[in-house]
C-alpha atoms as a PDB file:
ATOM      1  CA  UNK A   1      62.419  97.289 150.590  1.00  0.00           C
ATOM      2  CA  UNK A   2      64.855  94.666 150.533  1.00  0.00           C
ATOM      3  CA  UNK A   3      67.133  94.405 147.813  1.00  0.00           C
ATOM      4  CA  UNK A   4      69.378  91.576 146.113  1.00  0.00           C
ATOM      5  CA  UNK A   5      71.769  93.143 143.764  1.00  0.00           C
ATOM      6  CA  UNK A   6      73.375  90.289 141.267  1.00  0.00           C
ATOM      7  CA  UNK A   7      76.918  90.782 141.208  1.00  0.00           C
ATOM      8  CA  UNK A   8      79.001  93.664 142.621  1.00  0.00           C
ATOM      9  CA  UNK A   9      81.356  94.195 139.600  1.00  0.00           C
ATOM     10  CA  UNK A  10      81.286  97.514 137.708  1.00  0.00           C
ATOM     11  CA  UNK A  11      77.329  97.564 137.243  1.00  0.00           C
ATOM     12  CA  UNK A  12      76.028  95.977 139.976  1.00  0.00           C
ATOM     13  CA  UNK A  13      78.394  97.396 142.113  1.00  0.00           C
ATOM     14  CA  UNK A  14      77.792 101.253 141.582  1.00  0.00           C
ATOM     15  CA  UNK A  15      74.088 100.995 141.340  1.00  0.00           C
ATOM     16  CA  UNK A  16      73.931  98.628 144.365  1.00  0.00           C
ATOM     17  CA  UNK A  17      76.817 100.403 146.270  1.00  0.00           C
ATOM     18  CA  UNK A  18      74.792 104.085 145.681  1.00  0.00           C
ATOM     19  CA  UNK A  19      71.465 102.391 147.052  1.00  0.00           C
ATOM     20  CA  UNK A  20      73.460 101.024 149.961  1.00  0.00           C
ATOM     21  CA  UNK A  21      74.906 104.511 150.453  1.00  0.00           C
ATOM     22  CA  UNK A  22      71.621 105.936 150.808  1.00  0.00           C
ATOM     23  CA  UNK A  23      70.555 103.763 153.614  1.00  0.00           C
ATOM     24  CA  UNK A  24      68.375 100.830 151.499  1.00  0.00           C
ATOM     25  CA  UNK A  25      68.887  97.498 152.687  1.00  0.00           C
ATOM     26  CA  UNK A  26      71.077  96.052 150.009  1.00  0.00           C
ATOM     27  CA  UNK A  27      72.682  92.403 149.938  1.00  0.00           C
ATOM     28  CA  UNK A  28      75.196  91.409 146.941  1.00  0.00           C
ATOM     29  CA  UNK A  29      75.049  87.730 145.476  1.00  0.00           C
ATOM     30  CA  UNK A  30      78.710  87.424 144.443  1.00  0.00           C
ATOM     31  CA  UNK A  31      81.292  84.425 143.699  1.00  0.00           C
ATOM     32  CA  UNK A  32      83.882  83.676 146.175  1.00  0.00           C
ATOM     33  CA  UNK A  33      86.771  86.065 144.808  1.00  0.00           C
ATOM     34  CA  UNK A  34      84.716  88.773 144.677  1.00  0.00           C
ATOM     35  CA  UNK A  35      83.321  88.021 148.467  1.00  0.00           C
ATOM     36  CA  UNK A  36      87.105  88.190 149.672  1.00  0.00           C
ATOM     37  CA  UNK A  37      87.609  91.510 147.962  1.00  0.00           C
ATOM     38  CA  UNK A  38      84.493  93.011 149.571  1.00  0.00           C
ATOM     39  CA  UNK A  39      85.202  91.415 152.987  1.00  0.00           C
ATOM     40  CA  UNK A  40      88.875  92.743 153.080  1.00  0.00           C
ATOM     41  CA  UNK A  41      88.618  96.262 151.386  1.00  0.00           C
ATOM     42  CA  UNK A  42      84.505  96.873 151.420  1.00  0.00           C
ATOM     43  CA  UNK A  43      82.677  98.313 148.395  1.00  0.00           C
ATOM     44  CA  UNK A  44      84.514 101.252 146.809  1.00  0.00           C
ATOM     45  CA  UNK A  45      83.490 103.720 144.503  1.00  0.00           C
ATOM     46  CA  UNK A  46      85.363 106.294 142.884  1.00  0.00           C
ATOM     47  CA  UNK A  47      83.800 108.717 140.758  1.00  0.00           C
ATOM     48  CA  UNK A  48      83.877 112.583 139.976  1.00  0.00           C
ATOM     49  CA  UNK A  49      79.933 112.545 141.023  1.00  0.00           C
ATOM     50  CA  UNK A  50      81.294 111.371 144.775  1.00  0.00           C
ATOM     51  CA  UNK A  51      83.186 108.805 146.091  1.00  0.00           C
ATOM     52  CA  UNK A  52      81.993 106.074 148.656  1.00  0.00           C
ATOM     53  CA  UNK A  53      83.569 103.472 150.881  1.00  0.00           C
ATOM     54  CA  UNK A  54      81.376 101.141 152.158  1.00  0.00           C
ATOM     55  CA  UNK A  55      82.709  98.671 154.481  1.00  0.00           C
ATOM     56  CA  UNK A  56      81.465  95.550 155.225  1.00  0.00           C
ATOM     57  CA  UNK A  57      78.574  95.255 152.772  1.00  0.00           C
ATOM     58  CA  UNK A  58      75.951  92.527 153.118  1.00  0.00           C
ATOM     59  CA  UNK A  59      76.918  89.752 150.617  1.00  0.00           C
ATOM     60  CA  UNK A  60      75.693  86.179 150.097  1.00  0.00           C
ATOM     61  CA  UNK A  61      77.177  83.296 148.059  1.00  0.00           C
ATOM     62  CA  UNK A  62      74.986  81.038 145.869  1.00  0.00           C
ATOM     63  CA  UNK A  63      73.705  78.081 147.876  1.00  0.00           C
ATOM     64  CA  UNK A  64      73.274  80.143 150.496  1.00  0.00           C
ATOM     65  CA  UNK A  65      70.318  82.281 149.892  1.00  0.00           C
ATOM     66  CA  UNK A  66      67.156  81.401 152.086  1.00  0.00           C
ATOM     67  CA  UNK A  67      64.851  84.088 152.074  1.00  0.00           C
ATOM     68  CA  UNK A  68      63.077  85.992 149.285  1.00  0.00           C
ATOM     69  CA  UNK A  69      63.723  89.529 148.254  1.00  0.00           C
ATOM     70  CA  UNK A  70      61.315  92.652 147.266  1.00  0.00           C
ATOM     71  CA  UNK A  71      63.365  93.847 144.267  1.00  0.00           C
ATOM     72  CA  UNK A  72      66.531  91.785 142.544  1.00  0.00           C
ATOM     73  CA  UNK A  73      68.410  94.050 140.249  1.00  0.00           C
ATOM     74  CA  UNK A  74      70.039  91.895 137.543  1.00  0.00           C
ATOM     75  CA  UNK A  75      73.132  93.062 135.721  1.00  0.00           C
ATOM     76  CA  UNK A  76      75.180  90.071 134.841  1.00  0.00           C
ATOM     77  CA  UNK A  77      76.659  89.467 131.742  1.00  0.00           C
ATOM     78  CA  UNK A  78      74.299  87.523 129.197  1.00  0.00           C
ATOM     79  CA  UNK A  79      76.598  84.566 128.652  1.00  0.00           C
ATOM     80  CA  UNK A  80      76.223  83.996 132.564  1.00  0.00           C
ATOM     81  CA  UNK A  81      72.275  84.417 132.691  1.00  0.00           C
ATOM     82  CA  UNK A  82      71.434  80.744 132.685  1.00  0.00           C
ATOM     83  CA  UNK A  83      73.426  80.017 136.034  1.00  0.00           C
ATOM     84  CA  UNK A  84      72.370  83.367 137.640  1.00  0.00           C
ATOM     85  CA  UNK A  85      68.858  82.267 137.080  1.00  0.00           C
ATOM     86  CA  UNK A  86      69.396  79.364 139.011  1.00  0.00           C
ATOM     87  CA  UNK A  87      71.625  80.892 141.569  1.00  0.00           C
ATOM     88  CA  UNK A  88      68.874  83.503 142.405  1.00  0.00           C
ATOM     89  CA  UNK A  89      66.079  81.206 142.202  1.00  0.00           C
ATOM     90  CA  UNK A  90      65.778  80.926 145.817  1.00  0.00           C
ATOM     91  CA  UNK A  91      65.521  84.747 146.451  1.00  0.00           C
ATOM     92  CA  UNK A  92      62.283  84.676 144.306  1.00  0.00           C
ATOM     93  CA  UNK A  93      58.830  84.924 146.271  1.00  0.00           C
ATOM     94  CA  UNK A  94      55.783  85.640 145.683  1.00  0.00           C
ATOM     95  CA  UNK A  95      56.022  89.224 145.666  1.00  0.00           C
ATOM     96  CA  UNK A  96      59.414  89.512 144.322  1.00  0.00           C
ATOM     97  CA  UNK A  97      59.861  91.921 141.512  1.00  0.00           C
ATOM     98  CA  UNK A  98      63.146  91.335 139.143  1.00  0.00           C
ATOM     99  CA  UNK A  99      64.593  94.311 137.243  1.00  0.00           C
ATOM    100  CA  UNK A 100      67.222  93.494 135.070  1.00  0.00           C
ATOM    101  CA  UNK A 101      69.247  95.986 133.308  1.00  0.00           C
ATOM    102  CA  UNK A 102      70.864  93.669 130.455  1.00  0.00           C
ATOM    103  CA  UNK A 103      70.962  95.070 126.614  1.00  0.00           C
ATOM    104  CA  UNK A 104      68.575  93.251 123.957  1.00  0.00           C
ATOM    105  CA  UNK A 105      65.453  91.417 124.850  1.00  0.00           C
ATOM    106  CA  UNK A 106      66.456  87.582 125.001  1.00  0.00           C
ATOM    107  CA  UNK A 107      66.971  87.782 128.910  1.00  0.00           C
ATOM    108  CA  UNK A 108      63.224  88.931 129.178  1.00  0.00           C
ATOM    109  CA  UNK A 109      62.120  85.685 127.542  1.00  0.00           C
ATOM    110  CA  UNK A 110      64.584  83.540 129.891  1.00  0.00           C
ATOM    111  CA  UNK A 111      63.213  85.132 132.850  1.00  0.00           C
ATOM    112  CA  UNK A 112      59.768  84.847 132.173  1.00  0.00           C
ATOM    113  CA  UNK A 113      60.026  81.050 131.383  1.00  0.00           C
ATOM    114  CA  UNK A 114      61.585  80.615 134.888  1.00  0.00           C
ATOM    115  CA  UNK A 115      59.983  83.051 137.027  1.00  0.00           C
ATOM    116  CA  UNK A 116      56.688  84.192 135.087  1.00  0.00           C
ATOM    117  CA  UNK A 117      56.231  87.639 133.235  1.00  0.00           C
ATOM    118  CA  UNK A 118      54.271  89.143 135.660  1.00  0.00           C
ATOM    119  CA  UNK A 119      57.771  89.395 138.179  1.00  0.00           C
ATOM    120  CA  UNK A 120      60.030  90.580 135.440  1.00  0.00           C
ATOM    121  CA  UNK A 121      60.093  94.643 134.936  1.00  0.00           C
ATOM    122  CA  UNK A 122      61.610  95.932 131.699  1.00  0.00           C
ATOM    123  CA  UNK A 123      64.645  97.982 132.502  1.00  0.00           C
ATOM    124  CA  UNK A 124      68.137  99.408 131.355  1.00  0.00           C
ATOM    125  CA  UNK A 125      70.951 101.650 132.496  1.00  0.00           C
ATOM    126  CA  UNK A 126      73.396 103.763 131.184  1.00  0.00           C
ATOM    127  CA  UNK A 127      76.521 104.055 132.856  1.00  0.00           C
ATOM    128  CA  UNK A 128      80.607 103.587 131.762  1.00  0.00           C
ATOM    129  CA  UNK A 129      82.205 101.752 134.750  1.00  0.00           C
ATOM    130  CA  UNK A 130      84.807  99.102 135.387  1.00  0.00           C
ATOM    131  CA  UNK A 131      86.195  96.943 137.775  1.00  0.00           C
ATOM    132  CA  UNK A 132      90.046  97.653 138.746  1.00  0.00           C
ATOM    133  CA  UNK A 133      92.569  94.829 139.811  1.00  0.00           C
ATOM    134  CA  UNK A 134      91.739  95.824 143.335  1.00  0.00           C
ATOM    135  CA  UNK A 135      88.391  95.571 142.960  1.00  0.00           C
ATOM    136  CA  UNK A 136      87.590  99.203 143.106  1.00  0.00           C
ATOM    137  CA  UNK A 137      84.390 100.444 140.699  1.00  0.00           C
ATOM    138  CA  UNK A 138      85.815 103.350 138.881  1.00  0.00           C
ATOM    139  CA  UNK A 139      83.068 105.374 137.340  1.00  0.00           C
ATOM    140  CA  UNK A 140      84.055 106.624 134.048  1.00  0.00           C
ATOM    141  CA  UNK A 141      81.807 109.452 132.714  1.00  0.00           C
ATOM    142  CA  UNK A 142      79.101 111.400 133.850  1.00  0.00           C
ATOM    143  CA  UNK A 143      76.345 109.289 132.940  1.00  0.00           C
ATOM    144  CA  UNK A 144      74.654 107.102 135.557  1.00  0.00           C
ATOM    145  CA  UNK A 145      71.032 106.270 135.079  1.00  0.00           C
ATOM    146  CA  UNK A 146      68.444 103.331 135.679  1.00  0.00           C
ATOM    147  CA  UNK A 147      65.435 103.488 133.620  1.00  0.00           C
ATOM    148  CA  UNK A 148      62.626 100.865 134.551  1.00  0.00           C
ATOM    149  CA  UNK A 149      58.759 100.333 134.162  1.00  0.00           C
ATOM    150  CA  UNK A 150      55.935  97.812 134.107  1.00  0.00           C
ATOM    151  CA  UNK A 151      56.392  96.479 130.371  1.00  0.00           C
ATOM    152  CA  UNK A 152      51.998  96.930 129.818  1.00  0.00           C
ATOM    153  CA  UNK A 153      52.857 101.076 130.305  1.00  0.00           C
ATOM    154  CA  UNK A 154      51.310 101.303 133.629  1.00  0.00           C
ATOM    155  CA  UNK A 155      52.312 103.152 136.742  1.00  0.00           C
ATOM    156  CA  UNK A 156      52.186 100.333 139.277  1.00  0.00           C
ATOM    157  CA  UNK A 157      52.301 100.637 143.096  1.00  0.00           C
ATOM    158  CA  UNK A 158      55.424  98.598 143.002  1.00  0.00           C
ATOM    159  CA  UNK A 159      57.261 100.601 140.387  1.00  0.00           C
ATOM    160  CA  UNK A 160      56.363 103.700 142.169  1.00  0.00           C
ATOM    161  CA  UNK A 161      57.721 102.148 145.447  1.00  0.00           C
ATOM    162  CA  UNK A 162      60.990 101.540 143.227  1.00  0.00           C
ATOM    163  CA  UNK A 163      61.756 104.727 142.134  1.00  0.00           C
ATOM    164  CA  UNK A 164      60.827 106.187 145.546  1.00  0.00           C
ATOM    165  CA  UNK A 165      63.654 103.814 147.287  1.00  0.00           C
ATOM    166  CA  UNK A 166      65.957 104.585 144.587  1.00  0.00           C
ATOM    167  CA  UNK A 167      65.338 108.487 144.172  1.00  0.00           C
ATOM    168  CA  UNK A 168      67.226 109.011 147.750  1.00  0.00           C
ATOM    169  CA  UNK A 169      70.556 107.314 145.860  1.00  0.00           C
ATOM    170  CA  UNK A 170      73.326 109.267 144.124  1.00  0.00           C
ATOM    171  CA  UNK A 171      72.195 108.325 140.640  1.00  0.00           C
ATOM    172  CA  UNK A 172      69.222 108.806 137.927  1.00  0.00           C
ATOM    173  CA  UNK A 173      65.949 106.607 138.577  1.00  0.00           C
ATOM    174  CA  UNK A 174      63.316 106.858 135.515  1.00  0.00           C
ATOM    175  CA  UNK A 175      60.308 105.510 135.615  1.00  0.00           C
ATOM    176  CA  UNK A 176      59.467 104.782 132.101  1.00  0.00           C
ATOM    177  CA  UNK A 177      55.890 104.253 130.571  1.00  0.00           C
ATOM    178  CA  UNK A 178      57.459 102.922 127.554  1.00  0.00           C
ATOM    179  CA  UNK A 179      60.055 101.087 128.565  1.00  0.00           C
ATOM    180  CA  UNK A 180      60.036  98.403 125.884  1.00  0.00           C
ATOM    181  CA  UNK A 181      60.579 100.918 123.356  1.00  0.00           C
ATOM    182  CA  UNK A 182      63.380 102.297 125.372  1.00  0.00           C
ATOM    183  CA  UNK A 183      64.945  98.868 125.428  1.00  0.00           C
ATOM    184  CA  UNK A 184      64.696  98.439 121.626  1.00  0.00           C
ATOM    185  CA  UNK A 185      65.875 102.288 121.123  1.00  0.00           C
ATOM    186  CA  UNK A 186      69.302 101.206 122.930  1.00  0.00           C
ATOM    187  CA  UNK A 187      69.125  98.145 121.352  1.00  0.00           C
ATOM    188  CA  UNK A 188      69.272  99.136 117.705  1.00  0.00           C
ATOM    189  CA  UNK A 189      71.979 101.789 118.847  1.00  0.00           C
ATOM    190  CA  UNK A 190      73.901  99.272 120.842  1.00  0.00           C
ATOM    191  CA  UNK A 191      73.948  96.304 118.156  1.00  0.00           C
ATOM    192  CA  UNK A 192      74.959  99.102 115.455  1.00  0.00           C
ATOM    193  CA  UNK A 193      78.112 100.160 117.214  1.00  0.00           C
ATOM    194  CA  UNK A 194      78.811  96.925 118.612  1.00  0.00           C
ATOM    195  CA  UNK A 195      78.471  95.178 115.257  1.00  0.00           C
ATOM    196  CA  UNK A 196      80.331  97.986 113.464  1.00  0.00           C
ATOM    197  CA  UNK A 197      83.285  98.329 115.682  1.00  0.00           C
ATOM    198  CA  UNK A 198      83.956  94.791 116.316  1.00  0.00           C
ATOM    199  CA  UNK A 199      83.838  94.311 112.415  1.00  0.00           C
ATOM    200  CA  UNK A 200      86.434  96.899 111.533  1.00  0.00           C
ATOM    201  CA  UNK A 201      88.224  96.333 114.957  1.00  0.00           C
ATOM    202  CA  UNK A 202      88.615 100.305 115.328  1.00  0.00           C
ATOM    203  CA  UNK A 203      86.523 103.226 117.134  1.00  0.00           C
ATOM    204  CA  UNK A 204      84.066 105.173 115.224  1.00  0.00           C
ATOM    205  CA  UNK A 205      86.526 107.772 114.160  1.00  0.00           C
ATOM    206  CA  UNK A 206      88.883 105.644 112.640  1.00  0.00           C
ATOM    207  CA  UNK A 207      85.841 103.886 110.741  1.00  0.00           C
ATOM    208  CA  UNK A 208      84.665 107.310 109.398  1.00  0.00           C
ATOM    209  CA  UNK A 209      88.215 107.867 108.025  1.00  0.00           C
ATOM    210  CA  UNK A 210      88.159 104.788 106.016  1.00  0.00           C
ATOM    211  CA  UNK A 211      86.650 104.359 102.403  1.00  0.00           C
ATOM    212  CA  UNK A 212      83.362 103.122 102.774  1.00  0.00           C
ATOM    213  CA  UNK A 213      83.324 103.029 106.780  1.00  0.00           C
ATOM    214  CA  UNK A 214      80.200 105.197 106.691  1.00  0.00           C
ATOM    215  CA  UNK A 215      78.178 103.594 104.214  1.00  0.00           C
ATOM    216  CA  UNK A 216      78.586 100.286 106.151  1.00  0.00           C
ATOM    217  CA  UNK A 217      78.026 101.850 109.657  1.00  0.00           C
ATOM    218  CA  UNK A 218      74.804 103.342 108.149  1.00  0.00           C
ATOM    219  CA  UNK A 219      73.641 100.481 106.508  1.00  0.00           C
ATOM    220  CA  UNK A 220      74.262  98.335 109.785  1.00  0.00           C
ATOM    221  CA  UNK A 221      72.114 100.989 111.698  1.00  0.00           C
ATOM    222  CA  UNK A 222      69.270 100.508 108.792  1.00  0.00           C
ATOM    223  CA  UNK A 223      69.506  96.634 109.248  1.00  0.00           C
ATOM    224  CA  UNK A 224      69.023  96.657 112.794  1.00  0.00           C
ATOM    225  CA  UNK A 225      66.256  99.698 112.687  1.00  0.00           C
ATOM    226  CA  UNK A 226      64.223  97.475 110.319  1.00  0.00           C
ATOM    227  CA  UNK A 227      64.224  94.291 112.599  1.00  0.00           C
ATOM    228  CA  UNK A 228      62.690  96.825 115.192  1.00  0.00           C
ATOM    229  CA  UNK A 229      60.149  98.049 112.891  1.00  0.00           C
ATOM    230  CA  UNK A 230      59.319  94.472 111.977  1.00  0.00           C
ATOM    231  CA  UNK A 231      58.696  93.649 115.420  1.00  0.00           C
ATOM    232  CA  UNK A 232      56.804  96.654 116.167  1.00  0.00           C
ATOM    233  CA  UNK A 233      59.139  98.779 117.783  1.00  0.00           C
ATOM    234  CA  UNK A 234      60.522 100.974 115.230  1.00  0.00           C
ATOM    235  CA  UNK A 235      62.684 103.958 116.917  1.00  0.00           C
ATOM    236  CA  UNK A 236      61.724 107.652 116.218  1.00  0.00           C
ATOM    237  CA  UNK A 237      63.521 109.848 113.673  1.00  0.00           C
ATOM    238  CA  UNK A 238      64.822 111.829 116.714  1.00  0.00           C
ATOM    239  CA  UNK A 239      66.335 108.406 118.155  1.00  0.00           C
ATOM    240  CA  UNK A 240      67.677 107.884 114.755  1.00  0.00           C
ATOM    241  CA  UNK A 241      69.195 110.835 113.851  1.00  0.00           C
ATOM    242  CA  UNK A 242      70.832 110.969 117.439  1.00  0.00           C
ATOM    243  CA  UNK A 243      72.327 107.299 116.542  1.00  0.00           C
ATOM    244  CA  UNK A 244      73.457 108.947 113.186  1.00  0.00           C
ATOM    245  CA  UNK A 245      75.128 111.624 114.599  1.00  0.00           C
ATOM    246  CA  UNK A 246      77.146 109.349 117.259  1.00  0.00           C
ATOM    247  CA  UNK A 247      78.041 106.586 114.781  1.00  0.00           C
ATOM    248  CA  UNK A 248      79.592 108.853 111.944  1.00  0.00           C
ATOM    249  CA  UNK A 249      81.486 111.341 114.473  1.00  0.00           C
ATOM    250  CA  UNK A 250      84.482 112.156 112.847  1.00  0.00           C
ATOM    251  CA  UNK A 251      87.696 111.575 114.869  1.00  0.00           C
ATOM    252  CA  UNK A 252      85.516 109.763 117.904  1.00  0.00           C
ATOM    253  CA  UNK A 253      86.903 107.567 119.952  1.00  0.00           C
ATOM    254  CA  UNK A 254      83.996 105.831 120.819  1.00  0.00           C
ATOM    255  CA  UNK A 255      83.852 102.112 120.801  1.00  0.00           C
ATOM    256  CA  UNK A 256      81.746  99.252 121.890  1.00  0.00           C
ATOM    257  CA  UNK A 257      82.842  97.264 125.262  1.00  0.00           C
ATOM    258  CA  UNK A 258      82.383  94.190 123.035  1.00  0.00           C
ATOM    259  CA  UNK A 259      85.006  95.170 120.872  1.00  0.00           C
ATOM    260  CA  UNK A 260      87.161  95.721 123.863  1.00  0.00           C
ATOM    261  CA  UNK A 261      86.482  92.168 125.189  1.00  0.00           C
ATOM    262  CA  UNK A 262      86.995  90.497 121.611  1.00  0.00           C
ATOM    263  CA  UNK A 263      90.466  92.318 121.226  1.00  0.00           C
ATOM    264  CA  UNK A 264      91.425  91.116 124.706  1.00  0.00           C
ATOM    265  CA  UNK A 265      90.268  87.581 124.001  1.00  0.00           C
ATOM    266  CA  UNK A 266      87.369  87.604 126.290  1.00  0.00           C
ATOM    267  CA  UNK A 267      83.495  85.957 126.041  1.00  0.00           C
ATOM    268  CA  UNK A 268      81.217  88.412 124.534  1.00  0.00           C
ATOM    269  CA  UNK A 269      77.806  88.681 124.017  1.00  0.00           C
ATOM    270  CA  UNK A 270      77.438  87.990 120.386  1.00  0.00           C
ATOM    271  CA  UNK A 271      74.174  86.186 120.561  1.00  0.00           C
ATOM    272  CA  UNK A 272      72.445  88.035 122.873  1.00  0.00           C
ATOM    273  CA  UNK A 273      73.164  91.602 121.381  1.00  0.00           C
ATOM    274  CA  UNK A 274      73.510  90.873 117.613  1.00  0.00           C
ATOM    275  CA  UNK A 275      72.245  87.385 116.932  1.00  0.00           C
ATOM    276  CA  UNK A 276      69.069  87.871 118.778  1.00  0.00           C
ATOM    277  CA  UNK A 277      68.250  90.542 116.211  1.00  0.00           C
ATOM    278  CA  UNK A 278      68.575  87.927 113.583  1.00  0.00           C
ATOM    279  CA  UNK A 279      66.625  85.550 115.120  1.00  0.00           C
ATOM    280  CA  UNK A 280      63.466  88.129 115.533  1.00  0.00           C
ATOM    281  CA  UNK A 281      63.764  88.982 111.690  1.00  0.00           C
ATOM    282  CA  UNK A 282      62.732  85.507 110.524  1.00  0.00           C
ATOM    283  CA  UNK A 283      59.539  86.499 108.865  1.00  0.00           C
ATOM    284  CA  UNK A 284      60.919  89.767 107.166  1.00  0.00           C
ATOM    285  CA  UNK A 285      62.117  89.880 103.358  1.00  0.00           C
ATOM    286  CA  UNK A 286      64.936  92.405 104.239  1.00  0.00           C
ATOM    287  CA  UNK A 287      68.693  91.063 103.461  1.00  0.00           C
ATOM    288  CA  UNK A 288      70.052  92.706 106.510  1.00  0.00           C
ATOM    289  CA  UNK A 289      73.628  92.242 104.884  1.00  0.00           C
ATOM    290  CA  UNK A 290      75.662  94.223 107.317  1.00  0.00           C
ATOM    291  CA  UNK A 291      73.954  92.677 110.252  1.00  0.00           C
ATOM    292  CA  UNK A 292      74.588  89.276 109.121  1.00  0.00           C
ATOM    293  CA  UNK A 293      78.143  90.232 108.171  1.00  0.00           C
ATOM    294  CA  UNK A 294      78.535  91.526 111.453  1.00  0.00           C
ATOM    295  CA  UNK A 295      76.978  88.217 113.420  1.00  0.00           C
ATOM    296  CA  UNK A 296      79.303  86.012 111.317  1.00  0.00           C
ATOM    297  CA  UNK A 297      82.451  87.721 112.154  1.00  0.00           C
ATOM    298  CA  UNK A 298      81.549  87.350 115.942  1.00  0.00           C
ATOM    299  CA  UNK A 299      80.720  83.781 116.028  1.00  0.00           C
ATOM    300  CA  UNK A 300      84.175  83.222 113.904  1.00  0.00           C
ATOM    301  CA  UNK A 301      85.657  84.861 116.564  1.00  0.00           C
ATOM    302  CA  UNK A 302      84.171  82.495 119.226  1.00  0.00           C
ATOM    303  CA  UNK A 303      84.906  79.482 117.241  1.00  0.00           C
ATOM    304  CA  UNK A 304      88.066  80.285 117.035  1.00  0.00           C
ATOM    305  CA  UNK A 305      88.488  81.079 121.001  1.00  0.00           C
ATOM    306  CA  UNK A 306      86.791  78.080 121.650  1.00  0.00           C
ATOM    307  CA  UNK A 307      89.899  76.074 119.960  1.00  0.00           C
ATOM    308  CA  UNK A 308      92.305  78.317 122.362  1.00  0.00           C
ATOM    309  CA  UNK A 309      93.610  80.039 118.846  1.00  0.00           C
END
């Protein structure tokens, strides 16, 4: 199986690197700066679950793609997706399967419109990783899973083939027959975590120590849950109980990566992770007070950032 991994940053570098390490035919679509790092140092992974140094990984830059790939693993930030779609287009052939692991649902609409729904799987990943100044992928916890599946719930030959290829790698591949529900479950949790930690500019434990912090957090979770229900993907009580437990844990240092991006003055996925929930709530009469407040806060930050303030 010929695999094209979009990017070789923290997520793409980790999962693509593990696939390459296992013997899969992997090429990375990268920008010029990352191409230079990989050419000089190779792809380096540092993890408590096993280090890897992969010299001279196969790389290609936009404009140089010529052939179609069997599988495209897509892990870019949502705000880069429109450009990435154009960059990767020459690699999409009649039998290419696209596996995106972005958060939310908006990317599926964009990919479907450009390449056809039949080529796009559902997918998500769970990992905490970062790329340091030297270009090393640093895995920060014990989680490293990729969940994927046909959006109609079937176990097709192609997803079984992807599972077989991934099963040799040093991460946890999971073939799901409920991938859309899995994606909604993660989206509800992530939007709640990102919304509240960005709004309060604090990790979960500090929010719980503040008067009204728990109430605001649970209201935001309920807002997100109600949108999922309105769209036919209400989380189960088990999923909600787990989310409540994590989002209200006292002394927790947990925060969303979006909060860290915001505090560093970087780009954020405001529209993709939070705003798109509001877009998908248009026909519901629910007020969604905390979700609207969180989104307003994020958009105000983006406006201020755009002015260079």
